[in-house]
Amino acid sequence: MDFNADWFDEQVAKQAWIAVVVGIASLCIGAFVVLIITSRLRKRFRDLHVELETLWADMESFTNEVLGPGTARRGEAIQPAPAHEEERAEDKGEIEAIGDKVRDMQNMLRSHIEMVQAQAYTDSLTGVGNMAVYAEKTEQLSEAIKAGGASFALGIFDVNGLKQINDRYGHEQGDHAIVGSAEALIEAFGLEHVFRVGGDEFVVVMEHVTPEEITFRLQAFDDALAAINERRDKEFPDITVSRGWSAFHPQEDQDTKSVVRRADEDMYRAKAAFYNTHPDRRGR
């Protein structure tokens, strides 16, 4: 069989050109498919970005409905949503912008959860801890007593004649008396130690304190309340608060109840003495 070298070279060249043409066509088709997929993905990313923007707005609206506009934890403000999202999307790309939006929403949700939790443990009128957080505090103290490491003192403060103030001057003035008492307690003992456990009753819990410090803080409370009364409209009676105090004694107390009972009895003795000298203020 004769072998024609020219024919062979011609066939190799032809096949090479066919391979090149097929390769170029495949690349073009592949690029076209990628372009279509990329275009659709970009559209989906844009749609997702718009949906996230809508979800963000819905979250803020829902939060305002549940918590009330401008509601925040004591001393804190709700952080506003980051501005210029559209510019950021253009500068950083759709995927980065969506990632940023998801992180922003996570932070916003975390902030709102903290606010809801704070409201669940905060007295709405005075801003001090409410009965729920006080119950948790007493539970912690009970555990410390069982573990043999408890050291605390507890005070009960009761606004005098609140019913008489409400009946004679209206509940707004009664609220002012409650708020004024809370402000004096906060100034003397610190916000984290004050709890409102009833309409006119507060409890103060101090751990690892000396009798001298308690005496000092009680005087600070008297001074703070006197300053509040000095600023108070003289048309209304001064705010007065009866108080009782008791410290935990490891040899006597098996739980917090006995400490509370002694403080409560001490407070009622003070209240009885007040009404004996101020019969016109009796309202309970």
Protein backbone atom coordinates (compact mmCIF):
# COMPACT_ATOMS: atom_id res chain seq x y z
CA MET A 1 0.00 0.00 0.00
CA ASP A 2 1.44 3.31 -1.08
CA PHE A 3 1.62 6.03 1.66
CA ASN A 4 1.02 9.56 0.36
CA ALA A 5 2.71 11.98 2.76
CA ASP A 6 1.07 15.05 1.19
CA TRP A 7 -2.39 13.53 1.60
CA PHE A 8 -1.63 12.69 5.23
CA ASP A 9 -0.45 16.22 5.99
CA GLU A 10 -3.56 17.59 4.35
CA GLN A 11 -5.81 15.39 6.50
CA VAL A 12 -3.97 16.39 9.72
CA ALA A 13 -4.28 20.07 8.86
CA LYS A 14 -7.98 19.64 8.09
CA GLN A 15 -8.64 17.87 11.38
CA ALA A 16 -6.68 20.53 13.25
CA TRP A 17 -8.80 23.28 11.71
CA ILE A 18 -11.96 21.36 12.56
CA ALA A 19 -10.74 21.03 16.17
CA VAL A 20 -9.99 24.74 16.34
CA VAL A 21 -13.39 25.68 14.92
CA VAL A 22 -15.17 23.28 17.30
CA GLY A 23 -13.15 24.63 20.24
CA ILE A 24 -13.93 28.23 19.36
CA ALA A 25 -17.62 27.41 18.91
CA SER A 26 -17.66 25.60 22.27
CA LEU A 27 -16.02 28.55 23.99
CA CYS A 28 -18.56 30.93 22.45
CA ILE A 29 -21.47 28.74 23.48
CA GLY A 30 -20.01 28.34 26.98
CA ALA A 31 -19.48 32.08 27.33
CA PHE A 32 -23.03 32.70 26.16
CA VAL A 33 -24.42 30.20 28.70
CA VAL A 34 -22.32 31.74 31.49
CA LEU A 35 -23.52 35.19 30.49
CA ILE A 36 -27.15 34.05 30.67
CA ILE A 37 -26.64 32.37 34.04
CA THR A 38 -24.75 35.38 35.42
CA SER A 39 -27.45 37.73 34.22
CA ARG A 40 -30.14 35.64 35.89
CA LEU A 41 -28.12 35.38 39.10
CA ARG A 42 -27.56 39.12 39.18
CA LYS A 43 -31.30 39.63 38.77
CA ARG A 44 -31.97 37.18 41.59
CA PHE A 45 -29.41 38.94 43.80
CA ARG A 46 -31.05 42.27 43.04
CA ASP A 47 -34.50 40.82 43.84
CA LEU A 48 -33.12 39.33 47.06
CA HIS A 49 -31.61 42.68 48.01
CA VAL A 50 -34.98 44.37 47.46
CA GLU A 51 -36.74 41.69 49.52
CA LEU A 52 -34.24 42.17 52.34
CA GLU A 53 -34.86 45.92 52.25
CA THR A 54 -38.60 45.25 52.50
CA LEU A 55 -38.06 42.77 55.34
CA TRP A 56 -35.91 45.35 57.18
CA ALA A 57 -38.68 47.94 56.90
CA ASP A 58 -41.28 45.40 58.04
CA MET A 59 -39.11 44.50 61.05
CA GLU A 60 -38.82 48.13 62.10
CA SER A 61 -42.57 48.63 61.67
CA PHE A 62 -43.35 45.50 63.70
CA THR A 63 -40.90 46.55 66.42
CA ASN A 64 -42.54 49.97 66.69
CA GLU A 65 -45.97 48.35 66.94
CA VAL A 66 -44.86 45.94 69.67
CA LEU A 67 -42.48 48.13 71.66
CA GLY A 68 -43.71 51.58 70.75
CA PRO A 69 -41.83 54.16 68.65
CA GLY A 70 -38.44 55.07 70.06
CA THR A 71 -38.56 52.37 72.74
CA ALA A 72 -35.15 51.34 74.02
CA ARG A 73 -33.41 50.00 77.06
CA ARG A 74 -32.79 52.35 79.94
CA GLY A 75 -30.14 54.85 78.95
CA GLU A 76 -29.81 53.43 75.43
CA ALA A 77 -31.19 54.26 72.02
CA ILE A 78 -32.17 52.01 69.15
CA GLN A 79 -29.46 52.10 66.53
CA PRO A 80 -30.85 53.29 63.20
CA ALA A 81 -30.57 51.17 60.12
CA PRO A 82 -27.37 51.86 58.12
CA ALA A 83 -27.87 54.44 55.40
CA HIS A 84 -26.76 54.52 51.75
CA GLU A 85 -27.43 50.85 51.09
CA GLU A 86 -27.82 51.45 47.35
CA GLU A 87 -24.42 53.15 47.08
CA ARG A 88 -22.86 50.35 49.08
CA ALA A 89 -24.45 47.77 46.76
CA GLU A 90 -22.96 49.49 43.73
CA ASP A 91 -19.53 49.92 45.33
CA LYS A 92 -19.12 46.47 46.82
CA GLY A 93 -21.27 44.32 44.55
CA GLU A 94 -24.56 42.59 45.07
CA ILE A 95 -23.23 39.60 47.04
CA GLU A 96 -21.23 41.74 49.48
CA ALA A 97 -24.17 44.08 49.93
CA ILE A 98 -26.50 41.18 50.71
CA GLY A 99 -24.00 39.81 53.22
CA ASP A 100 -23.80 43.22 54.88
CA LYS A 101 -27.58 43.47 54.97
CA VAL A 102 -27.93 40.03 56.59
CA ARG A 103 -25.35 40.98 59.25
CA ASP A 104 -27.12 44.28 59.84
CA MET A 105 -30.42 42.48 60.28
CA GLN A 106 -28.81 40.02 62.71
CA ASN A 107 -27.49 42.93 64.78
CA MET A 108 -30.86 44.66 64.67
CA LEU A 109 -32.68 41.50 65.78
CA ARG A 110 -30.17 40.98 68.60
CA SER A 111 -30.68 44.57 69.72
CA HIS A 112 -34.47 44.22 69.69
CA ILE A 113 -34.31 40.91 71.59
CA GLU A 114 -32.19 42.60 74.25
CA MET A 115 -34.72 45.42 74.45
CA VAL A 116 -37.63 43.01 74.85
CA GLN A 117 -35.73 41.14 77.55
CA ALA A 118 -34.91 44.40 79.32
CA GLN A 119 -38.57 45.46 79.22
CA ALA A 120 -39.61 42.11 80.68
CA TYR A 121 -37.42 42.86 83.72
CA THR A 122 -37.98 46.61 84.03
CA ASP A 123 -40.72 48.54 85.82
CA SER A 124 -42.20 50.78 83.14
CA LEU A 125 -42.98 53.69 85.47
CA THR A 126 -39.69 54.02 87.35
CA GLY A 127 -37.12 52.19 85.24
CA VAL A 128 -35.95 50.01 88.15
CA GLY A 129 -36.08 46.23 88.23
CA ASN A 130 -39.56 44.72 88.50
CA MET A 131 -40.95 41.79 90.48
CA ALA A 132 -39.67 39.26 87.94
CA VAL A 133 -36.03 40.29 88.26
CA TYR A 134 -36.40 40.60 92.04
CA ALA A 135 -37.63 36.98 92.16
CA GLU A 136 -34.56 35.92 90.19
CA LYS A 137 -32.35 37.88 92.58
CA THR A 138 -33.82 36.20 95.64
CA GLU A 139 -33.35 32.83 93.95
CA GLN A 140 -29.68 33.63 93.41
CA LEU A 141 -29.35 34.65 97.06
CA SER A 142 -31.02 31.41 98.14
CA GLU A 143 -28.52 29.41 96.11
CA ALA A 144 -25.69 31.40 97.69
CA ILE A 145 -27.10 30.62 101.14
CA LYS A 146 -27.15 26.89 100.33
CA ALA A 147 -23.58 27.12 99.07
CA GLY A 148 -22.51 28.86 102.26
CA GLY A 149 -21.28 32.04 100.56
CA ALA A 150 -24.14 34.48 101.09
CA SER A 151 -23.51 37.96 102.42
CA PHE A 152 -26.20 40.57 101.86
CA ALA A 153 -28.52 43.10 103.43
CA LEU A 154 -32.04 43.92 102.31
CA GLY A 155 -34.17 47.02 102.71
CA ILE A 156 -37.89 47.53 102.16
CA PHE A 157 -39.12 51.03 101.33
CA ASP A 158 -42.81 51.96 101.26
CA VAL A 159 -44.22 55.31 100.10
CA ASN A 160 -46.35 56.82 102.87
CA GLY A 161 -49.96 57.79 102.20
CA LEU A 162 -50.00 56.93 98.50
CA LYS A 163 -53.72 56.16 98.57
CA GLN A 164 -54.42 59.52 100.18
CA ILE A 165 -52.33 61.27 97.50
CA ASN A 166 -54.18 59.41 94.73
CA ASP A 167 -57.59 60.15 96.22
CA ARG A 168 -56.95 63.80 96.99
CA TYR A 169 -54.63 64.92 94.20
CA GLY A 170 -55.09 62.31 91.48
CA HIS A 171 -53.08 59.33 90.28
CA GLU A 172 -50.68 61.53 88.34
CA GLN A 173 -49.41 62.98 91.61
CA GLY A 174 -49.31 59.47 93.04
CA ASP A 175 -47.09 58.44 90.14
CA HIS A 176 -44.86 61.46 90.81
CA ALA A 177 -44.46 60.29 94.41
CA ILE A 178 -43.49 56.80 93.24
CA VAL A 179 -41.06 58.12 90.64
CA GLY A 180 -39.51 60.57 93.10
CA SER A 181 -38.98 57.78 95.62
CA ALA A 182 -37.36 55.61 92.95
CA GLU A 183 -35.05 58.43 91.89
CA ALA A 184 -33.85 58.90 95.47
CA LEU A 185 -33.28 55.16 95.85
CA ILE A 186 -31.35 54.98 92.59
CA GLU A 187 -29.17 57.91 93.59
CA ALA A 188 -28.37 56.39 96.98
CA PHE A 189 -28.07 52.69 96.16
CA GLY A 190 -27.61 52.38 92.40
CA LEU A 191 -30.08 51.29 89.73
CA GLU A 192 -29.04 47.64 89.70
CA HIS A 193 -29.87 47.23 93.41
CA VAL A 194 -33.40 48.69 93.37
CA PHE A 195 -36.59 46.72 92.62
CA ARG A 196 -40.23 47.79 92.57
CA VAL A 197 -42.26 44.90 93.98
CA GLY A 198 -45.63 46.57 94.55
CA GLY A 199 -47.59 49.73 93.85
CA ASP A 200 -45.85 51.74 96.57
CA GLU A 201 -43.15 49.31 97.69
CA PHE A 202 -39.50 48.96 96.73
CA VAL A 203 -36.82 46.52 97.79
CA VAL A 204 -33.09 47.25 97.86
CA VAL A 205 -30.62 44.36 97.89
CA MET A 206 -26.95 45.00 98.65
CA GLU A 207 -24.34 42.25 98.75
CA HIS A 208 -21.08 42.26 100.70
CA VAL A 209 -21.73 45.56 102.47
CA THR A 210 -20.79 46.73 105.95
CA PRO A 211 -23.22 48.29 108.44
CA GLU A 212 -21.31 51.56 108.05
CA GLU A 213 -21.91 51.57 104.30
CA ILE A 214 -25.61 50.89 104.81
CA THR A 215 -25.83 53.81 107.24
CA PHE A 216 -24.05 56.04 104.75
CA ARG A 217 -26.36 55.04 101.89
CA LEU A 218 -29.49 55.49 103.97
CA GLN A 219 -28.38 59.02 104.77
CA ALA A 220 -27.72 59.56 101.07
CA PHE A 221 -31.28 58.43 100.39
CA ASP A 222 -32.68 60.89 102.95
CA ASP A 223 -30.64 63.69 101.38
CA ALA A 224 -31.73 62.78 97.85
CA LEU A 225 -35.40 62.63 98.85
CA ALA A 226 -35.11 65.98 100.65
CA ALA A 227 -33.65 67.53 97.49
CA ILE A 228 -36.52 66.13 95.42
CA ASN A 229 -39.08 67.53 97.87
CA GLU A 230 -37.33 70.90 97.74
CA ARG A 231 -38.00 71.04 94.01
CA ARG A 232 -41.54 69.73 94.40
CA ASP A 233 -44.58 71.98 93.97
CA LYS A 234 -45.57 73.12 97.47
CA GLU A 235 -49.22 72.63 96.56
CA PHE A 236 -48.62 68.92 97.13
CA PRO A 237 -47.35 67.17 100.26
CA ASP A 238 -43.74 66.08 100.54
CA ILE A 239 -42.86 62.54 99.52
CA THR A 240 -42.13 60.46 102.60
CA VAL A 241 -40.99 56.85 102.68
CA SER A 242 -40.99 54.38 105.57
CA ARG A 243 -38.20 51.84 105.52
CA GLY A 244 -36.99 48.71 107.21
CA TRP A 245 -33.62 47.05 106.97
CA SER A 246 -32.22 43.63 107.80
CA ALA A 247 -28.94 41.80 107.18
CA PHE A 248 -28.46 38.10 106.52
CA HIS A 249 -27.18 36.13 109.55
CA PRO A 250 -25.79 32.68 108.69
CA GLN A 251 -26.58 31.34 112.17
CA GLU A 252 -30.23 32.43 112.02
CA ASP A 253 -31.34 32.47 108.39
CA GLN A 254 -31.89 29.39 106.25
CA ASP A 255 -33.27 31.35 103.30
CA THR A 256 -34.14 34.88 102.20
CA LYS A 257 -37.68 34.77 103.64
CA SER A 258 -36.58 35.37 107.22
CA VAL A 259 -34.44 38.34 106.14
CA VAL A 260 -37.36 39.82 104.20
CA ARG A 261 -39.70 39.25 107.13
CA ARG A 262 -37.45 41.15 109.55
CA ALA A 263 -37.06 44.04 107.12
CA ASP A 264 -40.80 44.11 106.51
CA GLU A 265 -41.57 44.18 110.23
CA ASP A 266 -39.03 46.97 110.69
CA MET A 267 -40.66 48.94 107.87
CA TYR A 268 -44.16 48.59 109.33
CA ARG A 269 -42.94 49.81 112.71
CA ALA A 270 -41.52 52.89 110.99
CA LYS A 271 -44.76 53.39 109.07
CA ALA A 272 -46.85 53.13 112.24
CA ALA A 273 -44.63 55.71 113.92
CA PHE A 274 -45.04 58.03 110.92
CA TYR A 275 -48.84 57.81 110.94
CA ASN A 276 -48.92 58.38 114.69
CA THR A 277 -47.28 61.76 114.14
CA HIS A 278 -48.98 62.45 110.75
CA PRO A 279 -52.56 61.12 111.09
CA ASP A 280 -53.66 63.32 108.18
CA ARG A 281 -51.41 61.34 105.84
CA ARG A 282 -52.90 57.95 106.66
CA GLY A 283 -54.14 56.34 103.53
CA ARG A 284 -53.85 52.61 104.05
